[in-house]
N, C-alpha and C. Protein backbone atom coordinates (compact mmCIF):
# COMPACT_ATOMS: atom_id res chain seq x y z
N MET A 1 0.85 -1.18 0.00
CA MET A 1 0.00 0.00 0.00
C MET A 1 0.89 1.24 0.00
N GLU A 2 0.73 2.07 -1.02
CA GLU A 2 1.53 3.27 -1.16
C GLU A 2 0.86 4.44 -0.43
N LEU A 3 1.70 5.24 0.17
CA LEU A 3 1.20 6.41 0.90
C LEU A 3 0.88 7.53 -0.08
N PRO A 4 -0.14 8.32 0.20
CA PRO A 4 -0.45 9.45 -0.67
C PRO A 4 0.69 10.48 -0.66
N PRO A 5 0.81 11.26 -1.74
CA PRO A 5 1.92 12.22 -1.85
C PRO A 5 1.99 13.22 -0.69
N ASP A 6 0.84 13.68 -0.19
CA ASP A 6 0.87 14.65 0.91
C ASP A 6 1.44 14.03 2.18
N LEU A 7 1.15 12.78 2.42
CA LEU A 7 1.69 12.09 3.60
C LEU A 7 3.18 11.82 3.42
N GLN A 8 3.57 11.47 2.21
CA GLN A 8 5.00 11.27 1.92
C GLN A 8 5.77 12.57 2.17
N GLN A 9 5.18 13.70 1.76
CA GLN A 9 5.81 15.01 1.98
C GLN A 9 5.92 15.32 3.47
N LYS A 10 4.89 15.02 4.23
CA LYS A 10 4.93 15.24 5.68
C LYS A 10 6.03 14.40 6.33
N ILE A 11 6.21 13.19 5.84
CA ILE A 11 7.25 12.31 6.39
C ILE A 11 8.62 12.88 6.05
N ARG A 12 8.81 13.37 4.82
CA ARG A 12 10.09 13.99 4.46
C ARG A 12 10.35 15.21 5.33
N ASN A 13 9.29 16.00 5.56
CA ASN A 13 9.43 17.19 6.40
C ASN A 13 9.84 16.83 7.83
N ILE A 14 9.23 15.79 8.37
CA ILE A 14 9.56 15.42 9.75
C ILE A 14 10.97 14.85 9.83
N GLN A 15 11.43 14.21 8.77
CA GLN A 15 12.81 13.73 8.76
C GLN A 15 13.77 14.91 8.76
N GLY A 16 13.42 15.97 8.02
CA GLY A 16 14.23 17.18 8.04
C GLY A 16 14.24 17.84 9.40
N LEU A 17 13.08 17.87 10.04
CA LEU A 17 13.00 18.43 11.39
C LEU A 17 13.84 17.63 12.38
N GLN A 18 13.82 16.32 12.21
CA GLN A 18 14.60 15.46 13.10
C GLN A 18 16.09 15.74 12.92
N ALA A 19 16.53 15.89 11.67
CA ALA A 19 17.94 16.21 11.42
C ALA A 19 18.30 17.58 12.00
N GLN A 20 17.39 18.54 11.85
CA GLN A 20 17.61 19.88 12.39
C GLN A 20 17.73 19.83 13.91
N LEU A 21 16.85 19.08 14.55
CA LEU A 21 16.90 18.95 16.01
C LEU A 21 18.21 18.33 16.47
N GLN A 22 18.66 17.32 15.75
CA GLN A 22 19.92 16.67 16.11
C GLN A 22 21.07 17.67 15.99
N SER A 23 21.09 18.44 14.91
CA SER A 23 22.14 19.43 14.72
C SER A 23 22.10 20.50 15.81
N LEU A 24 20.91 20.99 16.13
CA LEU A 24 20.78 22.00 17.18
C LEU A 24 21.24 21.47 18.53
N ASN A 25 20.89 20.22 18.84
CA ASN A 25 21.31 19.63 20.11
C ASN A 25 22.82 19.43 20.16
N GLU A 26 23.43 19.10 19.03
CA GLU A 26 24.89 18.97 19.00
C GLU A 26 25.55 20.32 19.23
N GLN A 27 25.00 21.37 18.60
CA GLN A 27 25.53 22.72 18.82
C GLN A 27 25.40 23.11 20.29
N LYS A 28 24.27 22.78 20.88
CA LYS A 28 24.04 23.11 22.29
C LYS A 28 25.07 22.41 23.18
N MET A 29 25.34 21.14 22.89
CA MET A 29 26.32 20.40 23.70
C MET A 29 27.72 21.02 23.56
N ARG A 30 28.09 21.45 22.35
CA ARG A 30 29.40 22.07 22.16
C ARG A 30 29.50 23.39 22.93
N ILE A 31 28.44 24.18 22.88
CA ILE A 31 28.45 25.46 23.59
C ILE A 31 28.53 25.22 25.10
N GLU A 32 27.75 24.27 25.60
CA GLU A 32 27.79 23.97 27.04
C GLU A 32 29.18 23.49 27.46
N ALA A 33 29.82 22.69 26.61
CA ALA A 33 31.18 22.22 26.93
C ALA A 33 32.16 23.39 26.96
N THR A 34 32.02 24.32 26.03
CA THR A 34 32.91 25.48 26.00
C THR A 34 32.68 26.36 27.23
N ILE A 35 31.43 26.53 27.63
CA ILE A 35 31.14 27.32 28.83
C ILE A 35 31.78 26.68 30.06
N LYS A 36 31.74 25.36 30.14
CA LYS A 36 32.38 24.67 31.26
C LYS A 36 33.89 24.86 31.23
N GLU A 37 34.49 24.81 30.04
CA GLU A 37 35.93 25.04 29.92
C GLU A 37 36.30 26.45 30.39
N ILE A 38 35.47 27.41 30.00
CA ILE A 38 35.72 28.80 30.40
C ILE A 38 35.62 28.94 31.92
N ALA A 39 34.62 28.29 32.51
CA ALA A 39 34.47 28.35 33.97
C ALA A 39 35.69 27.76 34.66
N THR A 40 36.20 26.68 34.11
CA THR A 40 37.41 26.05 34.68
C THR A 40 38.61 26.98 34.54
N ALA A 41 38.75 27.63 33.38
CA ALA A 41 39.86 28.56 33.16
C ALA A 41 39.76 29.75 34.10
N LYS A 42 38.54 30.28 34.28
CA LYS A 42 38.36 31.41 35.20
C LYS A 42 38.70 31.02 36.63
N GLU A 43 38.28 29.82 37.01
CA GLU A 43 38.58 29.33 38.36
C GLU A 43 40.09 29.23 38.55
N PHE A 44 40.78 28.72 37.54
CA PHE A 44 42.23 28.61 37.62
C PHE A 44 42.87 29.99 37.70
N LEU A 45 42.40 30.91 36.86
CA LEU A 45 42.97 32.26 36.86
C LEU A 45 42.79 32.95 38.21
N GLU A 46 41.68 32.70 38.88
CA GLU A 46 41.46 33.31 40.19
C GLU A 46 42.49 32.84 41.21
N SER A 47 43.01 31.64 41.00
CA SER A 47 43.99 31.10 41.95
C SER A 47 45.42 31.56 41.63
N VAL A 48 45.61 32.20 40.50
CA VAL A 48 46.94 32.67 40.09
C VAL A 48 47.19 34.04 40.70
N SER A 49 48.40 34.24 41.22
CA SER A 49 48.72 35.55 41.79
C SER A 49 48.93 36.57 40.67
N GLU A 50 48.84 37.84 41.03
CA GLU A 50 49.00 38.92 40.05
C GLU A 50 50.41 38.92 39.44
N ASP A 51 51.38 38.37 40.18
CA ASP A 51 52.77 38.38 39.71
C ASP A 51 53.07 37.24 38.72
N ASP A 52 52.24 36.21 38.73
CA ASP A 52 52.46 35.08 37.82
C ASP A 52 52.13 35.48 36.39
N PRO A 53 52.97 35.05 35.46
CA PRO A 53 52.68 35.40 34.06
C PRO A 53 51.45 34.62 33.55
N VAL A 54 50.66 35.30 32.75
CA VAL A 54 49.49 34.69 32.13
C VAL A 54 49.66 34.83 30.62
N TYR A 55 49.44 33.74 29.93
CA TYR A 55 49.56 33.75 28.48
C TYR A 55 48.24 33.32 27.86
N ARG A 56 47.98 33.83 26.68
CA ARG A 56 46.79 33.40 25.95
C ARG A 56 47.22 32.98 24.55
N ASN A 57 46.48 32.09 24.00
CA ASN A 57 46.76 31.56 22.67
C ASN A 57 46.12 32.48 21.63
N VAL A 58 46.94 33.02 20.75
CA VAL A 58 46.46 33.86 19.66
C VAL A 58 47.00 33.24 18.38
N GLY A 59 46.10 32.57 17.67
CA GLY A 59 46.56 31.85 16.49
C GLY A 59 47.51 30.76 16.93
N GLY A 60 48.70 30.76 16.41
CA GLY A 60 49.69 29.76 16.81
C GLY A 60 50.69 30.30 17.82
N LEU A 61 50.43 31.48 18.37
CA LEU A 61 51.36 32.11 19.29
C LEU A 61 50.80 32.18 20.70
N MET A 62 51.69 32.14 21.67
CA MET A 62 51.32 32.37 23.06
C MET A 62 51.76 33.78 23.41
N ILE A 63 50.80 34.62 23.77
CA ILE A 63 51.05 36.04 24.04
C ILE A 63 50.84 36.31 25.52
N HIS A 64 51.80 37.04 26.11
CA HIS A 64 51.68 37.44 27.51
C HIS A 64 50.57 38.48 27.62
N THR A 65 49.72 38.31 28.63
CA THR A 65 48.61 39.24 28.83
C THR A 65 48.40 39.43 30.33
N PRO A 66 47.97 40.61 30.73
CA PRO A 66 47.66 40.81 32.15
C PRO A 66 46.51 39.90 32.58
N LYS A 67 46.58 39.48 33.83
CA LYS A 67 45.56 38.57 34.38
C LYS A 67 44.17 39.15 34.23
N ASP A 68 44.00 40.46 34.52
CA ASP A 68 42.68 41.09 34.42
C ASP A 68 42.14 41.05 33.00
N ASN A 69 43.01 41.27 32.01
CA ASN A 69 42.57 41.21 30.61
C ASN A 69 42.11 39.80 30.26
N ALA A 70 42.86 38.82 30.70
CA ALA A 70 42.50 37.43 30.41
C ALA A 70 41.16 37.10 31.05
N MET A 71 40.97 37.53 32.29
CA MET A 71 39.70 37.28 32.99
C MET A 71 38.54 37.98 32.30
N ASN A 72 38.76 39.22 31.87
CA ASN A 72 37.71 39.96 31.16
C ASN A 72 37.37 39.30 29.83
N ASP A 73 38.38 38.86 29.11
CA ASP A 73 38.14 38.18 27.84
C ASP A 73 37.32 36.91 28.04
N LEU A 74 37.67 36.15 29.07
CA LEU A 74 36.93 34.93 29.35
C LEU A 74 35.48 35.24 29.75
N SER A 75 35.29 36.27 30.55
CA SER A 75 33.94 36.66 30.98
C SER A 75 33.09 37.11 29.80
N GLU A 76 33.69 37.89 28.91
CA GLU A 76 32.96 38.35 27.72
C GLU A 76 32.56 37.17 26.84
N ARG A 77 33.50 36.27 26.65
CA ARG A 77 33.21 35.09 25.82
C ARG A 77 32.12 34.23 26.46
N GLU A 78 32.19 34.09 27.78
CA GLU A 78 31.18 33.32 28.50
C GLU A 78 29.80 33.96 28.37
N ASP A 79 29.75 35.29 28.50
CA ASP A 79 28.48 36.01 28.36
C ASP A 79 27.90 35.81 26.95
N LEU A 80 28.75 35.95 25.95
CA LEU A 80 28.30 35.77 24.57
C LEU A 80 27.77 34.35 24.34
N LEU A 81 28.49 33.36 24.85
CA LEU A 81 28.05 31.98 24.69
C LEU A 81 26.75 31.70 25.45
N ASN A 82 26.57 32.33 26.59
CA ASN A 82 25.31 32.15 27.33
C ASN A 82 24.12 32.73 26.56
N VAL A 83 24.34 33.85 25.87
CA VAL A 83 23.28 34.43 25.04
C VAL A 83 22.98 33.48 23.88
N ARG A 84 24.04 32.98 23.23
CA ARG A 84 23.84 32.04 22.12
C ARG A 84 23.13 30.78 22.61
N LEU A 85 23.49 30.31 23.79
CA LEU A 85 22.87 29.11 24.35
C LEU A 85 21.39 29.33 24.60
N LYS A 86 21.05 30.51 25.11
CA LYS A 86 19.64 30.82 25.37
C LYS A 86 18.85 30.83 24.07
N LYS A 87 19.38 31.48 23.03
CA LYS A 87 18.70 31.52 21.74
C LYS A 87 18.59 30.13 21.14
N LEU A 88 19.66 29.36 21.26
CA LEU A 88 19.67 28.01 20.73
C LEU A 88 18.64 27.13 21.43
N THR A 89 18.52 27.29 22.73
CA THR A 89 17.54 26.53 23.51
C THR A 89 16.12 26.88 23.05
N MET A 90 15.88 28.15 22.77
CA MET A 90 14.57 28.56 22.27
C MET A 90 14.31 27.94 20.89
N ASN A 91 15.33 27.93 20.04
CA ASN A 91 15.18 27.32 18.71
C ASN A 91 14.90 25.82 18.83
N ILE A 92 15.56 25.16 19.77
CA ILE A 92 15.33 23.73 19.98
C ILE A 92 13.90 23.48 20.42
N GLU A 93 13.43 24.31 21.35
CA GLU A 93 12.05 24.14 21.83
C GLU A 93 11.04 24.33 20.70
N ARG A 94 11.27 25.34 19.85
CA ARG A 94 10.37 25.55 18.71
C ARG A 94 10.42 24.39 17.73
N ALA A 95 11.62 23.92 17.43
CA ALA A 95 11.77 22.80 16.48
C ALA A 95 11.16 21.53 17.07
N GLN A 96 11.32 21.33 18.37
CA GLN A 96 10.73 20.16 19.03
C GLN A 96 9.21 20.22 18.96
N SER A 97 8.67 21.39 19.14
CA SER A 97 7.21 21.57 19.07
C SER A 97 6.71 21.27 17.66
N ARG A 98 7.41 21.81 16.64
CA ARG A 98 7.02 21.53 15.25
C ARG A 98 7.13 20.05 14.94
N PHE A 99 8.19 19.41 15.46
CA PHE A 99 8.39 17.98 15.23
C PHE A 99 7.22 17.18 15.83
N GLU A 100 6.89 17.49 17.08
CA GLU A 100 5.81 16.76 17.75
C GLU A 100 4.47 16.98 17.05
N SER A 101 4.22 18.21 16.61
CA SER A 101 2.99 18.51 15.90
C SER A 101 2.92 17.73 14.58
N SER A 102 4.03 17.72 13.85
CA SER A 102 4.07 16.98 12.58
C SER A 102 3.92 15.48 12.81
N ARG A 103 4.55 14.99 13.85
CA ARG A 103 4.45 13.57 14.17
C ARG A 103 3.00 13.20 14.48
N ASP A 104 2.35 14.03 15.27
CA ASP A 104 0.94 13.77 15.60
C ASP A 104 0.07 13.81 14.34
N GLU A 105 0.35 14.76 13.45
CA GLU A 105 -0.39 14.87 12.20
C GLU A 105 -0.23 13.60 11.36
N ILE A 106 1.00 13.14 11.25
CA ILE A 106 1.28 11.92 10.48
C ILE A 106 0.58 10.72 11.10
N ASN A 107 0.69 10.60 12.41
CA ASN A 107 0.04 9.47 13.08
C ASN A 107 -1.48 9.50 12.87
N GLU A 108 -2.06 10.70 12.93
CA GLU A 108 -3.49 10.84 12.72
C GLU A 108 -3.87 10.46 11.28
N SER A 109 -3.06 10.90 10.31
CA SER A 109 -3.32 10.56 8.91
C SER A 109 -3.25 9.06 8.68
N ILE A 110 -2.25 8.42 9.28
CA ILE A 110 -2.10 6.97 9.12
C ILE A 110 -3.27 6.25 9.79
N LYS A 111 -3.64 6.73 10.96
CA LYS A 111 -4.75 6.12 11.69
C LYS A 111 -6.05 6.23 10.87
N ASN A 112 -6.28 7.41 10.29
CA ASN A 112 -7.49 7.61 9.50
C ASN A 112 -7.48 6.79 8.21
N ARG A 113 -6.34 6.54 7.67
CA ARG A 113 -6.24 5.70 6.47
C ARG A 113 -6.60 4.25 6.79
N GLY A 114 -6.24 3.83 7.98
CA GLY A 114 -6.51 2.45 8.39
C GLY A 114 -7.96 2.21 8.72
N SER A 115 -8.68 3.28 8.99
CA SER A 115 -10.10 3.14 9.37
C SER A 115 -10.98 2.85 8.19
């Protein structure tokens, strides 16, 4: 029994939504991992005395930088990533809602075909 074209299209759409959700969740995991790395770096920097040299990686070079600058750079990056994470979480919720709605639509169409 072949599915009607509109149902086939809905199935293709839900497969696209599923791939989109997977990609968004992978992005979210990478951002969360980076935020944790930044928190660890900030924690380490707090334990370093003002007299200890601090270096940051710029391209392929290690550049000496004041501790305060390094801490500020990390904080700014963390803030930016938290904003991106919030937006990404909202996008995931919207995509999840569309996925569930499409899934329910497909299930209803299949159920009605069987009746």
